[in-house]
Amino acid sequence: MKFANRRMSMVLLSLILISVLIVVNEWLYNGVMQVLVPITIIVSCTVILWNAKSLSVLRAVIVTGLVVLSIYMVLPEYTAKQAAAKIRTEFEGVGRVSFSVNTPVISDSFSPFQSDWYYTFEVIEREGTGYYLMMDPHSDDFMVKQNE
């Protein structure tokens, strides 16, 4: 492949990968996945390969491994639908579970791989009482906020 075609193919592949990552984050994870690290790795690898004189198999394997590892490290344990299903199984008497706006997490520690958001659900019990339930997408920790 010619040098210019290889460069354009890398840029196009990077843009497609970033787009897919963002769409998956919105559809499956309701926007809670920390996508900054994989996007940074993808852009950095594209710049490095852009400036490389030749593309060896070892470089391609290392870059692919870095990208796959960075995406794997930021994937939440639960998708939004899995979190809603977990609420239905963990809590007795749940009539309806609906998504609400995600809740930001305020923490003293910093981790580029952990999400800065909790899934937030409005839970209506069969008796008609309701409350908001927040779930950490990386664990099964719940926090309940009663409706006033």
N, C-alpha and C. Protein backbone atom coordinates (compact mmCIF):
# COMPACT_ATOMS: atom_id res chain seq x y z
N MET A 1 0.84 -1.17 0.00
CA MET A 1 0.00 0.00 0.00
C MET A 1 0.90 1.24 0.00
N LYS A 2 0.53 2.23 -0.76
CA LYS A 2 1.33 3.44 -0.81
C LYS A 2 1.31 4.15 0.54
N PHE A 3 2.34 4.94 0.77
CA PHE A 3 2.53 5.60 2.05
C PHE A 3 1.35 6.52 2.39
N ALA A 4 0.89 7.33 1.44
CA ALA A 4 -0.21 8.27 1.69
C ALA A 4 -1.52 7.51 1.93
N ASN A 5 -1.74 6.43 1.20
CA ASN A 5 -2.95 5.63 1.40
C ASN A 5 -2.97 4.98 2.77
N ARG A 6 -1.79 4.53 3.23
CA ARG A 6 -1.70 3.91 4.55
C ARG A 6 -2.04 4.93 5.62
N ARG A 7 -1.55 6.15 5.47
CA ARG A 7 -1.83 7.20 6.45
C ARG A 7 -3.32 7.52 6.51
N MET A 8 -3.94 7.66 5.35
CA MET A 8 -5.36 7.98 5.32
C MET A 8 -6.20 6.82 5.86
N SER A 9 -5.76 5.60 5.61
CA SER A 9 -6.46 4.44 6.14
C SER A 9 -6.39 4.40 7.66
N MET A 10 -5.23 4.74 8.22
CA MET A 10 -5.09 4.79 9.68
C MET A 10 -6.00 5.84 10.30
N VAL A 11 -6.05 7.01 9.68
CA VAL A 11 -6.90 8.09 10.21
C VAL A 11 -8.37 7.68 10.11
N LEU A 12 -8.76 7.12 8.99
CA LEU A 12 -10.15 6.69 8.81
C LEU A 12 -10.51 5.59 9.80
N LEU A 13 -9.63 4.62 9.97
CA LEU A 13 -9.87 3.54 10.93
C LEU A 13 -9.98 4.08 12.35
N SER A 14 -9.14 5.05 12.69
CA SER A 14 -9.19 5.66 14.03
C SER A 14 -10.50 6.39 14.25
N LEU A 15 -10.94 7.14 13.27
CA LEU A 15 -12.21 7.87 13.39
C LEU A 15 -13.39 6.92 13.51
N ILE A 16 -13.36 5.83 12.75
CA ILE A 16 -14.43 4.84 12.84
C ILE A 16 -14.43 4.19 14.23
N LEU A 17 -13.25 3.84 14.74
CA LEU A 17 -13.14 3.21 16.05
C LEU A 17 -13.62 4.14 17.16
N ILE A 18 -13.25 5.40 17.09
CA ILE A 18 -13.70 6.38 18.09
C ILE A 18 -15.21 6.56 18.01
N SER A 19 -15.75 6.62 16.81
CA SER A 19 -17.20 6.77 16.64
C SER A 19 -17.95 5.57 17.21
N VAL A 20 -17.47 4.38 16.93
CA VAL A 20 -18.10 3.16 17.46
C VAL A 20 -18.03 3.15 18.98
N LEU A 21 -16.90 3.55 19.53
CA LEU A 21 -16.73 3.60 20.98
C LEU A 21 -17.74 4.55 21.62
N ILE A 22 -17.94 5.71 21.03
CA ILE A 22 -18.88 6.69 21.57
C ILE A 22 -20.32 6.19 21.45
N VAL A 23 -20.66 5.58 20.32
CA VAL A 23 -22.02 5.06 20.13
C VAL A 23 -22.30 3.92 21.11
N VAL A 24 -21.35 3.02 21.29
CA VAL A 24 -21.53 1.92 22.25
C VAL A 24 -21.69 2.48 23.67
N ASN A 25 -20.91 3.49 24.00
CA ASN A 25 -21.02 4.12 25.31
C ASN A 25 -22.43 4.68 25.52
N GLU A 26 -22.97 5.32 24.54
CA GLU A 26 -24.31 5.92 24.69
C GLU A 26 -25.41 4.86 24.69
N TRP A 27 -25.34 3.88 23.81
CA TRP A 27 -26.40 2.89 23.70
C TRP A 27 -26.39 1.86 24.82
N LEU A 28 -25.25 1.28 25.10
CA LEU A 28 -25.19 0.20 26.08
C LEU A 28 -24.96 0.68 27.51
N TYR A 29 -24.17 1.72 27.65
CA TYR A 29 -23.75 2.14 28.99
C TYR A 29 -24.35 3.47 29.42
N ASN A 30 -25.30 3.97 28.68
CA ASN A 30 -26.02 5.20 29.03
C ASN A 30 -25.07 6.37 29.30
N GLY A 31 -23.92 6.36 28.64
CA GLY A 31 -22.97 7.47 28.72
C GLY A 31 -22.09 7.48 29.96
N VAL A 32 -22.00 6.39 30.71
CA VAL A 32 -21.19 6.41 31.94
C VAL A 32 -19.76 5.91 31.74
N MET A 33 -19.46 5.30 30.60
CA MET A 33 -18.11 4.76 30.38
C MET A 33 -17.11 5.90 30.22
N GLN A 34 -15.95 5.74 30.79
CA GLN A 34 -14.89 6.74 30.72
C GLN A 34 -14.12 6.53 29.41
N VAL A 35 -14.50 7.27 28.36
CA VAL A 35 -13.93 7.02 27.04
C VAL A 35 -12.69 7.87 26.74
N LEU A 36 -12.30 8.73 27.66
CA LEU A 36 -11.16 9.61 27.41
C LEU A 36 -9.86 8.83 27.24
N VAL A 37 -9.65 7.81 28.05
CA VAL A 37 -8.40 7.03 27.96
C VAL A 37 -8.28 6.30 26.63
N PRO A 38 -9.30 5.54 26.19
CA PRO A 38 -9.17 4.87 24.89
C PRO A 38 -9.03 5.85 23.73
N ILE A 39 -9.74 6.97 23.77
CA ILE A 39 -9.62 7.94 22.68
C ILE A 39 -8.21 8.52 22.66
N THR A 40 -7.65 8.80 23.81
CA THR A 40 -6.27 9.31 23.88
C THR A 40 -5.28 8.30 23.33
N ILE A 41 -5.46 7.03 23.68
CA ILE A 41 -4.57 5.96 23.18
C ILE A 41 -4.71 5.82 21.67
N ILE A 42 -5.95 5.85 21.17
CA ILE A 42 -6.17 5.71 19.72
C ILE A 42 -5.51 6.87 18.97
N VAL A 43 -5.71 8.08 19.43
CA VAL A 43 -5.12 9.25 18.76
C VAL A 43 -3.60 9.21 18.85
N SER A 44 -3.06 8.86 20.02
CA SER A 44 -1.61 8.79 20.18
C SER A 44 -1.00 7.74 19.27
N CYS A 45 -1.62 6.57 19.21
CA CYS A 45 -1.11 5.51 18.33
C CYS A 45 -1.20 5.91 16.86
N THR A 46 -2.25 6.63 16.50
CA THR A 46 -2.38 7.09 15.11
C THR A 46 -1.27 8.07 14.77
N VAL A 47 -0.98 8.99 15.69
CA VAL A 47 0.10 9.97 15.46
C VAL A 47 1.45 9.26 15.37
N ILE A 48 1.68 8.30 16.25
CA ILE A 48 2.95 7.57 16.24
C ILE A 48 3.11 6.79 14.93
N LEU A 49 2.06 6.10 14.52
CA LEU A 49 2.14 5.34 13.26
C LEU A 49 2.17 6.25 12.04
N TRP A 50 1.58 7.43 12.15
CA TRP A 50 1.62 8.40 11.05
C TRP A 50 3.06 8.79 10.75
N ASN A 51 3.86 8.96 11.81
CA ASN A 51 5.23 9.40 11.66
C ASN A 51 6.22 8.25 11.48
N ALA A 52 5.77 7.02 11.58
CA ALA A 52 6.66 5.87 11.41
C ALA A 52 7.03 5.71 9.94
N LYS A 53 8.27 5.37 9.70
CA LYS A 53 8.74 5.17 8.32
C LYS A 53 8.14 3.92 7.69
N SER A 54 7.99 2.89 8.51
CA SER A 54 7.39 1.66 8.00
C SER A 54 6.51 1.05 9.08
N LEU A 55 5.60 0.22 8.66
CA LEU A 55 4.68 -0.43 9.58
C LEU A 55 5.05 -1.90 9.67
N SER A 56 5.63 -2.29 10.81
CA SER A 56 5.99 -3.68 10.99
C SER A 56 4.84 -4.41 11.69
N VAL A 57 4.88 -5.70 11.64
CA VAL A 57 3.86 -6.52 12.28
C VAL A 57 3.91 -6.31 13.79
N LEU A 58 5.10 -6.20 14.35
CA LEU A 58 5.24 -6.00 15.79
C LEU A 58 4.58 -4.68 16.22
N ARG A 59 4.81 -3.61 15.47
CA ARG A 59 4.17 -2.32 15.79
C ARG A 59 2.66 -2.44 15.73
N ALA A 60 2.17 -3.08 14.71
CA ALA A 60 0.72 -3.24 14.55
C ALA A 60 0.12 -4.04 15.71
N VAL A 61 0.80 -5.09 16.14
CA VAL A 61 0.33 -5.91 17.25
C VAL A 61 0.35 -5.11 18.55
N ILE A 62 1.42 -4.35 18.78
CA ILE A 62 1.53 -3.54 20.00
C ILE A 62 0.43 -2.48 20.05
N VAL A 63 0.22 -1.79 18.94
CA VAL A 63 -0.81 -0.75 18.88
C VAL A 63 -2.19 -1.36 19.09
N THR A 64 -2.47 -2.46 18.43
CA THR A 64 -3.77 -3.12 18.60
C THR A 64 -3.96 -3.57 20.05
N GLY A 65 -2.91 -4.12 20.64
CA GLY A 65 -2.98 -4.54 22.04
C GLY A 65 -3.23 -3.38 22.98
N LEU A 66 -2.57 -2.26 22.76
CA LEU A 66 -2.79 -1.07 23.60
C LEU A 66 -4.22 -0.56 23.50
N VAL A 67 -4.74 -0.51 22.29
CA VAL A 67 -6.11 -0.02 22.09
C VAL A 67 -7.12 -0.97 22.74
N VAL A 68 -6.97 -2.27 22.51
CA VAL A 68 -7.89 -3.24 23.10
C VAL A 68 -7.80 -3.22 24.62
N LEU A 69 -6.60 -3.14 25.18
CA LEU A 69 -6.42 -3.08 26.62
C LEU A 69 -7.05 -1.82 27.22
N SER A 70 -6.87 -0.69 26.55
CA SER A 70 -7.44 0.55 27.08
C SER A 70 -8.97 0.51 27.07
N ILE A 71 -9.55 -0.10 26.04
CA ILE A 71 -11.01 -0.22 26.00
C ILE A 71 -11.49 -1.19 27.08
N TYR A 72 -10.79 -2.30 27.24
CA TYR A 72 -11.17 -3.28 28.25
C TYR A 72 -11.10 -2.69 29.66
N MET A 73 -10.11 -1.86 29.92
CA MET A 73 -9.92 -1.30 31.26
C MET A 73 -11.04 -0.34 31.66
N VAL A 74 -11.70 0.30 30.71
CA VAL A 74 -12.73 1.27 31.05
C VAL A 74 -14.15 0.72 30.95
N LEU A 75 -14.31 -0.50 30.48
CA LEU A 75 -15.65 -1.06 30.36
C LEU A 75 -16.29 -1.25 31.73
N PRO A 76 -17.47 -0.68 31.94
CA PRO A 76 -18.16 -0.93 33.21
C PRO A 76 -18.59 -2.39 33.29
N GLU A 77 -18.74 -2.87 34.51
CA GLU A 77 -19.13 -4.26 34.71
C GLU A 77 -20.57 -4.51 34.27
N TYR A 78 -21.42 -3.49 34.42
CA TYR A 78 -22.83 -3.63 34.08
C TYR A 78 -23.22 -2.65 32.99
N THR A 79 -23.98 -3.13 32.01
CA THR A 79 -24.62 -2.21 31.07
C THR A 79 -25.83 -1.61 31.79
N ALA A 80 -26.44 -0.61 31.18
CA ALA A 80 -27.60 0.02 31.80
C ALA A 80 -28.75 -0.98 31.94
N LYS A 81 -28.96 -1.82 30.94
CA LYS A 81 -30.04 -2.82 31.02
C LYS A 81 -29.75 -3.89 32.06
N GLN A 82 -28.49 -4.29 32.18
CA GLN A 82 -28.12 -5.27 33.20
C GLN A 82 -28.33 -4.68 34.60
N ALA A 83 -28.03 -3.40 34.76
CA ALA A 83 -28.23 -2.74 36.05
C ALA A 83 -29.71 -2.70 36.40
N ALA A 84 -30.56 -2.39 35.43
CA ALA A 84 -32.00 -2.37 35.68
C ALA A 84 -32.51 -3.77 36.03
N ALA A 85 -32.00 -4.79 35.34
CA ALA A 85 -32.40 -6.17 35.65
C ALA A 85 -31.93 -6.57 37.04
N LYS A 86 -30.76 -6.11 37.44
CA LYS A 86 -30.23 -6.42 38.77
C LYS A 86 -31.11 -5.79 39.85
N ILE A 87 -31.60 -4.59 39.60
CA ILE A 87 -32.50 -3.93 40.55
C ILE A 87 -33.77 -4.77 40.71
N ARG A 88 -34.32 -5.26 39.61
CA ARG A 88 -35.55 -6.05 39.67
C ARG A 88 -35.34 -7.34 40.47
N THR A 89 -34.13 -7.92 40.39
CA THR A 89 -33.89 -9.17 41.11
C THR A 89 -33.46 -8.94 42.56
N GLU A 90 -32.78 -7.83 42.83
CA GLU A 90 -32.26 -7.58 44.18
C GLU A 90 -33.31 -7.03 45.14
N PHE A 91 -34.24 -6.25 44.63
CA PHE A 91 -35.20 -5.57 45.49
C PHE A 91 -36.59 -6.20 45.34
N GLU A 92 -37.22 -6.43 46.46
CA GLU A 92 -38.55 -7.05 46.48
C GLU A 92 -39.62 -6.01 46.14
N GLY A 93 -40.64 -6.41 45.45
CA GLY A 93 -41.80 -5.57 45.22
C GLY A 93 -41.62 -4.45 44.21
N VAL A 94 -40.63 -4.57 43.33
CA VAL A 94 -40.38 -3.53 42.33
C VAL A 94 -41.39 -3.70 41.20
N GLY A 95 -42.15 -2.63 40.94
CA GLY A 95 -43.12 -2.67 39.87
C GLY A 95 -42.55 -2.16 38.56
N ARG A 96 -41.87 -1.02 38.63
CA ARG A 96 -41.35 -0.41 37.41
C ARG A 96 -39.99 0.21 37.70
N VAL A 97 -39.06 0.04 36.77
CA VAL A 97 -37.74 0.65 36.85
C VAL A 97 -37.54 1.44 35.57
N SER A 98 -37.28 2.74 35.71
CA SER A 98 -37.05 3.56 34.52
C SER A 98 -35.78 4.38 34.71
N PHE A 99 -35.10 4.61 33.60
CA PHE A 99 -33.86 5.37 33.64
C PHE A 99 -34.14 6.82 33.98
N SER A 100 -33.23 7.40 34.73
CA SER A 100 -33.28 8.82 35.03
C SER A 100 -31.94 9.40 34.57
N VAL A 101 -31.72 10.65 34.84
CA VAL A 101 -30.45 11.29 34.46
C VAL A 101 -29.35 10.71 35.34
N ASN A 102 -28.20 10.37 34.74
CA ASN A 102 -27.08 9.83 35.50
C ASN A 102 -26.61 10.82 36.55
N THR A 103 -26.09 10.29 37.65
CA THR A 103 -25.63 11.11 38.76
C THR A 103 -24.11 11.18 38.76
N PRO A 104 -23.53 12.40 38.82
CA PRO A 104 -22.07 12.49 38.87
C PRO A 104 -21.53 12.02 40.22
N VAL A 105 -20.34 11.43 40.18
CA VAL A 105 -19.69 10.93 41.39
C VAL A 105 -18.65 11.96 41.83
N ILE A 106 -18.71 12.31 43.10
CA ILE A 106 -17.70 13.21 43.66
C ILE A 106 -16.81 12.37 44.55
N SER A 107 -15.53 12.32 44.20
CA SER A 107 -14.60 11.45 44.91
C SER A 107 -13.29 12.19 45.16
N ASP A 108 -12.63 11.83 46.26
CA ASP A 108 -11.32 12.41 46.56
C ASP A 108 -10.21 11.78 45.73
N SER A 109 -10.42 10.55 45.29
CA SER A 109 -9.40 9.86 44.52
C SER A 109 -9.68 10.00 43.03
N PHE A 110 -8.64 9.86 42.23
CA PHE A 110 -8.77 9.97 40.78
C PHE A 110 -8.36 8.66 40.14
N SER A 111 -9.21 8.16 39.27
CA SER A 111 -8.88 6.98 38.49
C SER A 111 -9.35 7.21 37.06
N PRO A 112 -8.44 7.18 36.09
CA PRO A 112 -8.87 7.41 34.71
C PRO A 112 -9.69 6.26 34.14
N PHE A 113 -9.74 5.14 34.85
CA PHE A 113 -10.46 3.98 34.35
C PHE A 113 -11.84 3.82 34.97
N GLN A 114 -12.10 4.47 36.09
CA GLN A 114 -13.40 4.38 36.75
C GLN A 114 -14.32 5.47 36.22
N SER A 115 -15.59 5.15 36.16
CA SER A 115 -16.57 6.09 35.67
C SER A 115 -16.79 7.23 36.66
N ASP A 116 -17.10 8.40 36.14
CA ASP A 116 -17.42 9.55 36.97
C ASP A 116 -18.92 9.68 37.18
N TRP A 117 -19.68 8.67 36.79
CA TRP A 117 -21.13 8.72 36.85
C TRP A 117 -21.71 7.43 37.41
N TYR A 118 -22.84 7.55 38.08
CA TYR A 118 -23.63 6.40 38.52
C TYR A 118 -24.88 6.32 37.65
N TYR A 119 -25.32 5.09 37.38
CA TYR A 119 -26.64 4.93 36.76
C TYR A 119 -27.67 5.39 37.79
N THR A 120 -28.68 6.08 37.34
CA THR A 120 -29.74 6.51 38.25
C THR A 120 -31.07 6.03 37.68
N PHE A 121 -31.84 5.38 38.53
CA PHE A 121 -33.13 4.82 38.13
C PHE A 121 -34.22 5.35 39.04
N GLU A 122 -35.39 5.55 38.47
CA GLU A 122 -36.57 5.83 39.27
C GLU A 122 -37.29 4.50 39.45
N VAL A 123 -37.44 4.09 40.70
CA VAL A 123 -38.04 2.81 41.01
C VAL A 123 -39.41 3.05 41.62
N ILE A 124 -40.43 2.44 41.03
CA ILE A 124 -41.79 2.52 41.56
C ILE A 124 -42.15 1.12 42.05
N GLU A 125 -42.49 1.02 43.32
CA GLU A 125 -42.87 -0.27 43.88
C GLU A 125 -44.32 -0.59 43.52
N ARG A 126 -44.71 -1.82 43.74
CA ARG A 126 -46.07 -2.24 43.40
C ARG A 126 -47.12 -1.50 44.21
N GLU A 127 -46.76 -1.07 45.41
CA GLU A 127 -47.69 -0.33 46.27
C GLU A 127 -47.84 1.12 45.80
N GLY A 128 -47.01 1.56 44.89
CA GLY A 128 -47.10 2.92 44.37
C GLY A 128 -46.05 3.87 44.92
N THR A 129 -45.31 3.48 45.95
CA THR A 129 -44.26 4.35 46.47
C THR A 129 -43.07 4.32 45.53
N GLY A 130 -42.38 5.44 45.48
CA GLY A 130 -41.25 5.53 44.57
C GLY A 130 -40.01 6.10 45.24
N TYR A 131 -38.88 5.82 44.65
CA TYR A 131 -37.61 6.35 45.12
C TYR A 131 -36.61 6.30 43.98
N TYR A 132 -35.51 7.00 44.16
CA TYR A 132 -34.43 6.97 43.18
C TYR A 132 -33.34 6.05 43.68
N LEU A 133 -32.79 5.27 42.78
CA LEU A 133 -31.75 4.32 43.12
C LEU A 133 -30.55 4.57 42.21
N MET A 134 -29.38 4.76 42.81
CA MET A 134 -28.16 4.97 42.04
C MET A 134 -27.30 3.72 42.17
N MET A 135 -26.69 3.33 41.04
CA MET A 135 -25.86 2.13 41.02
C MET A 135 -24.52 2.44 40.37
N ASP A 136 -23.47 2.00 41.05
CA ASP A 136 -22.12 2.13 40.50
C ASP A 136 -21.98 1.13 39.35
N PRO A 137 -21.64 1.60 38.13
CA PRO A 137 -21.57 0.67 37.00
C PRO A 137 -20.40 -0.31 37.06
N HIS A 138 -19.44 -0.06 37.97
CA HIS A 138 -18.27 -0.94 38.08
C HIS A 138 -18.41 -1.95 39.20
N SER A 139 -19.43 -1.83 40.00
CA SER A 139 -19.68 -2.80 41.07
C SER A 139 -21.19 -2.90 41.22
N ASP A 140 -21.62 -3.60 42.23
CA ASP A 140 -23.07 -3.68 42.45
C ASP A 140 -23.47 -2.90 43.69
N ASP A 141 -22.80 -1.79 43.94
CA ASP A 141 -23.13 -0.93 45.07
C ASP A 141 -24.33 -0.05 44.70
N PHE A 142 -25.29 -0.01 45.61
CA PHE A 142 -26.49 0.79 45.41
C PHE A 142 -26.55 1.91 46.44
N MET A 143 -27.13 3.01 46.05
CA MET A 143 -27.45 4.09 46.99
C MET A 143 -28.90 4.48 46.71
N VAL A 144 -29.69 4.63 47.78
CA VAL A 144 -31.09 4.94 47.64
C VAL A 144 -31.34 6.36 48.11
N LYS A 145 -32.12 7.09 47.33
CA LYS A 145 -32.56 8.42 47.75
C LYS A 145 -34.08 8.38 47.75
N GLN A 146 -34.64 8.53 48.93
CA GLN A 146 -36.09 8.52 49.07
C GLN A 146 -36.68 9.79 48.50
N ASN A 147 -37.85 9.68 47.88
CA ASN A 147 -38.57 10.86 47.42
C ASN A 147 -39.12 11.61 48.63
N GLU A 148 -39.02 12.92 48.60
CA GLU A 148 -39.54 13.73 49.72
C GLU A 148 -41.03 13.89 49.56
